[in-house]
Structure formats: C-alpha cells, structure tokens
N, C-alpha and C. Protein backbone atom coordinates (compact mmCIF):
# COMPACT_ATOMS: atom_id res chain seq x y z
N MET A 1 74.29 18.97 2.67
CA MET A 1 74.43 19.94 1.59
C MET A 1 74.53 19.20 0.25
N LYS A 2 73.88 19.78 -0.73
CA LYS A 2 73.92 19.24 -2.09
C LYS A 2 74.80 20.15 -2.93
N THR A 3 75.67 19.56 -3.73
CA THR A 3 76.56 20.33 -4.60
C THR A 3 76.07 20.22 -6.03
N LEU A 4 76.03 21.37 -6.70
CA LEU A 4 75.63 21.43 -8.10
C LEU A 4 76.72 22.17 -8.86
N THR A 5 77.26 21.54 -9.89
CA THR A 5 78.26 22.19 -10.73
C THR A 5 77.56 22.75 -11.95
N ILE A 6 77.77 24.04 -12.19
CA ILE A 6 77.18 24.67 -13.36
C ILE A 6 78.29 25.08 -14.32
N LYS A 7 77.95 25.11 -15.59
CA LYS A 7 78.92 25.47 -16.62
C LYS A 7 78.34 26.58 -17.48
N ASP A 8 79.22 27.44 -17.95
CA ASP A 8 78.85 28.42 -18.96
C ASP A 8 79.32 27.88 -20.29
N ASP A 9 78.40 27.74 -21.21
CA ASP A 9 78.72 27.25 -22.55
C ASP A 9 78.56 28.37 -23.55
N SER A 10 79.42 28.38 -24.55
CA SER A 10 79.24 29.31 -25.66
C SER A 10 78.16 28.74 -26.57
N ALA A 11 77.73 29.52 -27.53
CA ALA A 11 76.72 29.05 -28.48
C ALA A 11 77.23 27.85 -29.28
N THR A 12 78.56 27.70 -29.37
CA THR A 12 79.14 26.58 -30.11
C THR A 12 79.41 25.37 -29.22
N GLY A 13 79.09 25.48 -27.91
CA GLY A 13 79.26 24.36 -27.01
C GLY A 13 80.56 24.35 -26.23
N LYS A 14 81.41 25.36 -26.41
CA LYS A 14 82.67 25.45 -25.68
C LYS A 14 82.40 25.85 -24.23
N ILE A 15 83.03 25.17 -23.27
CA ILE A 15 82.86 25.52 -21.86
C ILE A 15 83.75 26.72 -21.54
N LEU A 16 83.11 27.80 -21.07
CA LEU A 16 83.81 29.05 -20.80
C LEU A 16 84.12 29.24 -19.32
N ASN A 17 83.34 28.60 -18.46
CA ASN A 17 83.47 28.82 -17.03
C ASN A 17 82.78 27.67 -16.31
N GLU A 18 83.24 27.35 -15.11
CA GLU A 18 82.62 26.30 -14.32
C GLU A 18 82.61 26.75 -12.87
N LEU A 19 81.52 26.45 -12.17
CA LEU A 19 81.34 26.92 -10.80
C LEU A 19 80.53 25.88 -10.02
N SER A 20 80.95 25.59 -8.79
CA SER A 20 80.21 24.66 -7.94
C SER A 20 79.46 25.46 -6.88
N LEU A 21 78.18 25.12 -6.70
CA LEU A 21 77.32 25.80 -5.74
C LEU A 21 76.80 24.79 -4.72
N GLN A 22 76.58 25.25 -3.49
CA GLN A 22 76.06 24.41 -2.42
C GLN A 22 74.62 24.81 -2.10
N PHE A 23 73.76 23.80 -1.92
CA PHE A 23 72.36 24.04 -1.57
C PHE A 23 71.98 23.10 -0.43
N GLU A 24 71.09 23.56 0.44
CA GLU A 24 70.62 22.74 1.56
C GLU A 24 69.55 21.75 1.14
N SER A 25 68.79 22.09 0.12
CA SER A 25 67.67 21.26 -0.32
C SER A 25 68.03 20.52 -1.61
N GLU A 26 67.37 19.39 -1.84
CA GLU A 26 67.63 18.68 -3.09
C GLU A 26 66.80 19.23 -4.25
N TYR A 27 65.82 20.08 -3.93
CA TYR A 27 65.04 20.76 -4.96
C TYR A 27 65.21 22.25 -4.80
N ILE A 28 65.54 22.93 -5.89
CA ILE A 28 65.67 24.39 -5.89
C ILE A 28 64.94 24.94 -7.10
N SER A 29 64.58 26.20 -7.03
CA SER A 29 63.95 26.86 -8.18
C SER A 29 65.05 27.48 -9.05
N ILE A 30 64.68 27.78 -10.27
CA ILE A 30 65.61 28.47 -11.16
C ILE A 30 66.01 29.81 -10.54
N LYS A 31 65.06 30.48 -9.91
CA LYS A 31 65.37 31.75 -9.24
C LYS A 31 66.45 31.55 -8.18
N GLU A 32 66.31 30.52 -7.36
CA GLU A 32 67.31 30.24 -6.32
C GLU A 32 68.67 29.90 -6.94
N LEU A 33 68.66 29.21 -8.06
CA LEU A 33 69.89 28.87 -8.77
C LEU A 33 70.61 30.13 -9.22
N ILE A 34 69.88 31.03 -9.87
CA ILE A 34 70.48 32.27 -10.36
C ILE A 34 70.99 33.11 -9.19
N GLU A 35 70.19 33.24 -8.15
CA GLU A 35 70.61 34.04 -6.99
C GLU A 35 71.87 33.47 -6.36
N ALA A 36 71.94 32.14 -6.20
CA ALA A 36 73.12 31.51 -5.61
C ALA A 36 74.35 31.74 -6.48
N ARG A 37 74.16 31.66 -7.77
CA ARG A 37 75.28 31.88 -8.68
C ARG A 37 75.81 33.29 -8.56
N VAL A 38 74.93 34.27 -8.59
CA VAL A 38 75.36 35.67 -8.49
C VAL A 38 76.04 35.92 -7.15
N ARG A 39 75.49 35.39 -6.07
CA ARG A 39 76.12 35.55 -4.74
C ARG A 39 77.55 35.00 -4.73
N GLU A 40 77.72 33.80 -5.29
CA GLU A 40 79.05 33.19 -5.33
C GLU A 40 80.02 34.01 -6.17
N GLU A 41 79.54 34.52 -7.28
CA GLU A 41 80.40 35.34 -8.14
C GLU A 41 80.80 36.64 -7.47
N VAL A 42 79.88 37.24 -6.72
CA VAL A 42 80.22 38.48 -6.01
C VAL A 42 81.26 38.19 -4.93
N LYS A 43 81.14 37.04 -4.25
CA LYS A 43 82.16 36.66 -3.27
C LYS A 43 83.52 36.52 -3.95
N LYS A 44 83.54 35.85 -5.11
CA LYS A 44 84.80 35.69 -5.86
C LYS A 44 85.36 37.06 -6.23
N TYR A 45 84.51 37.95 -6.69
CA TYR A 45 84.93 39.30 -7.07
C TYR A 45 85.56 40.02 -5.88
N GLU A 46 84.92 39.91 -4.71
CA GLU A 46 85.42 40.61 -3.54
C GLU A 46 86.76 40.03 -3.07
N ARG A 47 87.00 38.74 -3.32
CA ARG A 47 88.30 38.13 -2.99
C ARG A 47 89.36 38.50 -4.02
N ASP A 48 88.97 38.53 -5.31
CA ASP A 48 89.92 38.78 -6.39
C ASP A 48 89.16 39.38 -7.57
N ILE A 49 89.33 40.67 -7.78
CA ILE A 49 88.57 41.39 -8.82
C ILE A 49 88.73 40.76 -10.20
N ASN A 50 89.90 40.19 -10.48
CA ASN A 50 90.14 39.61 -11.81
C ASN A 50 89.33 38.34 -12.05
N SER A 51 88.87 37.68 -10.99
CA SER A 51 88.11 36.44 -11.14
C SER A 51 86.68 36.70 -11.60
N TYR A 52 86.23 37.94 -11.57
CA TYR A 52 84.84 38.24 -11.87
C TYR A 52 84.58 38.48 -13.35
N LYS A 53 85.59 38.62 -14.14
CA LYS A 53 85.36 39.00 -15.54
C LYS A 53 84.65 37.93 -16.37
N ASN A 54 84.58 36.70 -15.88
CA ASN A 54 83.85 35.65 -16.60
C ASN A 54 82.51 35.33 -15.95
N GLY A 55 82.03 36.21 -15.10
CA GLY A 55 80.78 35.97 -14.40
C GLY A 55 79.56 36.15 -15.27
N LEU A 56 78.42 35.80 -14.71
CA LEU A 56 77.15 35.96 -15.42
C LEU A 56 76.85 37.42 -15.66
N ILE A 57 77.06 38.24 -14.64
CA ILE A 57 76.79 39.67 -14.73
C ILE A 57 78.12 40.42 -14.68
N LEU A 58 78.28 41.40 -15.55
CA LEU A 58 79.47 42.24 -15.52
C LEU A 58 79.08 43.60 -14.97
N PRO A 59 79.57 43.95 -13.77
CA PRO A 59 79.22 45.25 -13.20
C PRO A 59 79.62 46.39 -14.14
N THR A 60 78.84 47.46 -14.12
CA THR A 60 79.13 48.63 -14.93
C THR A 60 80.56 49.10 -14.65
N ASN A 61 81.26 49.51 -15.69
CA ASN A 61 82.63 50.03 -15.59
C ASN A 61 83.61 49.00 -15.02
N LEU A 62 83.39 47.73 -15.27
CA LEU A 62 84.29 46.71 -14.75
C LEU A 62 85.71 46.92 -15.24
N LYS A 63 85.88 47.30 -16.50
CA LYS A 63 87.23 47.50 -17.02
C LYS A 63 88.00 48.51 -16.18
N ALA A 64 87.36 49.62 -15.87
CA ALA A 64 88.02 50.65 -15.06
C ALA A 64 88.34 50.10 -13.67
N ARG A 65 87.45 49.27 -13.13
CA ARG A 65 87.66 48.71 -11.80
C ARG A 65 88.84 47.75 -11.78
N LEU A 66 89.11 47.09 -12.89
CA LEU A 66 90.20 46.12 -12.93
C LEU A 66 91.57 46.77 -12.70
N TYR A 67 91.67 48.06 -12.94
CA TYR A 67 92.95 48.74 -12.77
C TYR A 67 93.15 49.29 -11.37
N LYS A 68 92.15 49.21 -10.52
CA LYS A 68 92.27 49.69 -9.15
C LYS A 68 92.88 48.59 -8.29
N LYS A 69 93.55 48.99 -7.23
CA LYS A 69 94.20 48.03 -6.34
C LYS A 69 93.19 47.29 -5.45
N THR A 70 92.13 47.96 -5.04
CA THR A 70 91.13 47.32 -4.20
C THR A 70 89.81 47.25 -4.97
N ALA A 71 89.09 46.20 -4.74
CA ALA A 71 87.83 45.99 -5.44
C ALA A 71 86.73 46.84 -4.81
N PRO A 72 86.09 47.70 -5.61
CA PRO A 72 84.95 48.45 -5.08
C PRO A 72 83.80 47.49 -4.78
N LYS A 73 82.95 47.87 -3.87
CA LYS A 73 81.80 47.03 -3.50
C LYS A 73 80.83 46.93 -4.68
N ILE A 74 80.24 45.76 -4.80
CA ILE A 74 79.19 45.53 -5.79
C ILE A 74 77.88 45.43 -5.02
N ASP A 75 76.84 46.04 -5.55
CA ASP A 75 75.51 45.95 -4.95
C ASP A 75 74.93 44.58 -5.32
N LEU A 76 74.99 43.64 -4.38
CA LEU A 76 74.55 42.27 -4.63
C LEU A 76 73.11 42.20 -5.09
N GLU A 77 72.23 42.92 -4.42
CA GLU A 77 70.81 42.87 -4.78
C GLU A 77 70.57 43.38 -6.20
N GLU A 78 71.31 44.41 -6.58
CA GLU A 78 71.16 44.94 -7.95
C GLU A 78 71.64 43.91 -8.97
N GLN A 79 72.74 43.22 -8.67
CA GLN A 79 73.25 42.20 -9.59
C GLN A 79 72.26 41.05 -9.73
N ILE A 80 71.65 40.66 -8.62
CA ILE A 80 70.63 39.59 -8.67
C ILE A 80 69.45 40.04 -9.51
N TYR A 81 69.01 41.27 -9.31
CA TYR A 81 67.88 41.80 -10.10
C TYR A 81 68.21 41.78 -11.59
N VAL A 82 69.40 42.24 -11.95
CA VAL A 82 69.81 42.28 -13.36
C VAL A 82 69.81 40.86 -13.95
N ALA A 83 70.32 39.89 -13.18
CA ALA A 83 70.39 38.51 -13.68
C ALA A 83 68.99 37.91 -13.85
N LEU A 84 68.12 38.11 -12.86
CA LEU A 84 66.76 37.57 -12.96
C LEU A 84 66.00 38.21 -14.12
N ASP A 85 66.16 39.52 -14.28
CA ASP A 85 65.52 40.23 -15.38
C ASP A 85 66.04 39.73 -16.73
N ALA A 86 67.34 39.52 -16.81
CA ALA A 86 67.94 39.04 -18.07
C ALA A 86 67.42 37.65 -18.42
N PHE A 87 67.27 36.78 -17.43
CA PHE A 87 66.72 35.45 -17.69
C PHE A 87 65.32 35.57 -18.27
N GLN A 88 64.51 36.42 -17.67
CA GLN A 88 63.12 36.56 -18.13
C GLN A 88 63.03 37.19 -19.51
N LYS A 89 64.06 37.95 -19.90
CA LYS A 89 64.07 38.59 -21.22
C LYS A 89 64.96 37.84 -22.21
N ASN A 90 65.29 36.59 -21.89
CA ASN A 90 66.10 35.74 -22.77
C ASN A 90 67.50 36.28 -23.04
N GLY A 91 68.08 36.98 -22.06
CA GLY A 91 69.46 37.43 -22.18
C GLY A 91 70.43 36.26 -22.04
N PHE A 92 69.98 35.20 -21.41
CA PHE A 92 70.71 33.95 -21.34
C PHE A 92 69.71 32.82 -21.13
N PHE A 93 70.14 31.63 -21.46
CA PHE A 93 69.32 30.44 -21.29
C PHE A 93 69.96 29.54 -20.25
N ILE A 94 69.15 28.76 -19.59
CA ILE A 94 69.65 27.75 -18.67
C ILE A 94 69.13 26.41 -19.16
N LEU A 95 70.05 25.49 -19.35
CA LEU A 95 69.68 24.13 -19.73
C LEU A 95 69.89 23.22 -18.53
N ILE A 96 68.85 22.49 -18.17
CA ILE A 96 68.90 21.50 -17.10
C ILE A 96 68.80 20.14 -17.77
N ASP A 97 69.85 19.37 -17.73
CA ASP A 97 69.89 18.07 -18.41
C ASP A 97 69.44 18.21 -19.87
N ASN A 98 69.97 19.23 -20.53
CA ASN A 98 69.73 19.53 -21.94
C ASN A 98 68.31 19.99 -22.27
N GLU A 99 67.53 20.37 -21.26
CA GLU A 99 66.20 20.94 -21.51
C GLU A 99 66.19 22.36 -20.98
N GLN A 100 65.65 23.27 -21.79
CA GLN A 100 65.66 24.69 -21.43
C GLN A 100 64.71 24.99 -20.27
N ALA A 101 65.22 25.70 -19.27
CA ALA A 101 64.38 26.16 -18.16
C ALA A 101 63.44 27.23 -18.69
N GLU A 102 62.19 27.16 -18.29
CA GLU A 102 61.16 28.06 -18.83
C GLU A 102 60.80 29.22 -17.91
N SER A 103 60.90 29.03 -16.59
CA SER A 103 60.46 30.09 -15.68
C SER A 103 61.31 30.09 -14.41
N LEU A 104 61.24 31.20 -13.69
CA LEU A 104 61.97 31.32 -12.43
C LEU A 104 61.45 30.36 -11.37
N ASP A 105 60.18 29.96 -11.47
CA ASP A 105 59.57 29.07 -10.49
C ASP A 105 59.82 27.59 -10.77
N GLN A 106 60.36 27.28 -11.93
CA GLN A 106 60.60 25.88 -12.28
C GLN A 106 61.56 25.26 -11.27
N MET A 107 61.25 24.04 -10.84
CA MET A 107 62.06 23.35 -9.83
C MET A 107 63.08 22.42 -10.51
N VAL A 108 64.22 22.30 -9.84
CA VAL A 108 65.33 21.48 -10.33
C VAL A 108 65.72 20.51 -9.23
N LEU A 109 65.86 19.25 -9.58
CA LEU A 109 66.35 18.24 -8.65
C LEU A 109 67.87 18.24 -8.71
N ILE A 110 68.49 18.35 -7.54
CA ILE A 110 69.95 18.31 -7.49
C ILE A 110 70.36 16.89 -7.12
N ASP A 111 71.01 16.22 -8.05
CA ASP A 111 71.62 14.93 -7.75
C ASP A 111 72.92 14.85 -8.56
N PRO A 112 73.73 13.84 -8.33
CA PRO A 112 75.04 13.79 -9.00
C PRO A 112 74.98 13.80 -10.52
N SER A 113 73.86 13.41 -11.10
CA SER A 113 73.77 13.37 -12.56
C SER A 113 73.21 14.66 -13.17
N THR A 114 72.74 15.60 -12.36
CA THR A 114 72.15 16.83 -12.88
C THR A 114 73.20 17.67 -13.59
N GLN A 115 72.91 18.03 -14.83
CA GLN A 115 73.81 18.88 -15.61
C GLN A 115 73.13 20.21 -15.86
N VAL A 116 73.84 21.30 -15.50
CA VAL A 116 73.29 22.65 -15.66
C VAL A 116 74.26 23.47 -16.50
N SER A 117 73.73 24.07 -17.56
CA SER A 117 74.52 24.94 -18.42
C SER A 117 73.84 26.29 -18.57
N PHE A 118 74.60 27.34 -18.43
CA PHE A 118 74.15 28.70 -18.72
C PHE A 118 74.70 29.05 -20.08
N ILE A 119 73.84 29.55 -20.95
CA ILE A 119 74.28 29.96 -22.28
C ILE A 119 73.97 31.43 -22.43
N LYS A 120 75.03 32.25 -22.42
CA LYS A 120 74.87 33.70 -22.54
C LYS A 120 74.83 34.08 -24.02
N LEU A 121 73.86 34.90 -24.34
CA LEU A 121 73.76 35.38 -25.72
C LEU A 121 74.54 36.68 -25.90
N THR A 122 74.57 37.49 -24.84
CA THR A 122 75.32 38.74 -24.85
C THR A 122 75.88 38.96 -23.46
N ALA A 123 76.87 39.82 -23.34
CA ALA A 123 77.39 40.18 -22.02
C ALA A 123 76.32 40.97 -21.29
N LEU A 124 76.03 40.60 -20.05
CA LEU A 124 75.02 41.29 -19.25
C LEU A 124 75.72 42.32 -18.39
N VAL A 125 75.27 43.55 -18.45
CA VAL A 125 75.89 44.63 -17.69
C VAL A 125 74.95 45.08 -16.61
N GLY A 126 75.45 45.10 -15.39
CA GLY A 126 74.62 45.49 -14.26
C GLY A 126 75.17 46.72 -13.58
N GLY A 127 74.74 46.95 -12.33
CA GLY A 127 75.09 48.14 -11.57
C GLY A 127 76.49 48.18 -11.11
C-alpha cells in the first residue's frame, strides 16, 4: 500500500486540513484521488459528524445535521459526483508538487516526496 498525505490550503497558503489516503498502486488518476478523498471523508463523517465540517464537500443542510445525535446517511456517490464536477468547473484546484492538475485523467506518482494540496475557492455543497 502507498500512503499519500493531502492538505487543504487556503488561498493565502494556510493549511486548513490534512488527510492521509491509502492506494494499492503507485500511480493514480486525479479522479481516483478525489474519489478516495471523498470516501475517506464520508467514513469520518459516519464515525463523528463533527469531523466532516472541514471536508471537501459539505452535504446540504450540514448545520442542521450537526445538532442531531446520530449522523444521517450521506449518499457517497452523489458526493463523489459533486466533487468531480466541482473540479472540472474550477470549484477547487489540486496542486501536485506545486503544479496544477489539469484533468481527471492526469496520472500522479505516489512516492514519499509527492506533495498534494487542494485549494478550495468556495465551499462546495452537495446532496
């Protein structure tokens, strides 16, 4: 297994969030990266609803959900769709070793020196 640590950076360069992801292959596509990230965040949400507020995608009515005792289910496929669509519409950028990822098909080499940053321009709201 290959481990990749990703960071969320603000437009000013401040680190807002950090997450480690596991992959079986040393090469992954940007699409696979986004999907893995959303899957991991949904798992975190299902374990602890409060941990999801810094995720890539914010489910609709998240504020109302935060006041409930049990976490309502999130539609994983819908969240993945929202994230992939947002990437294609420049809702956020992904920097791989300080170079902007251009497409979902672009391949990324995972090694200990690989640096990945997600830069959100706006909060993304999904299902």
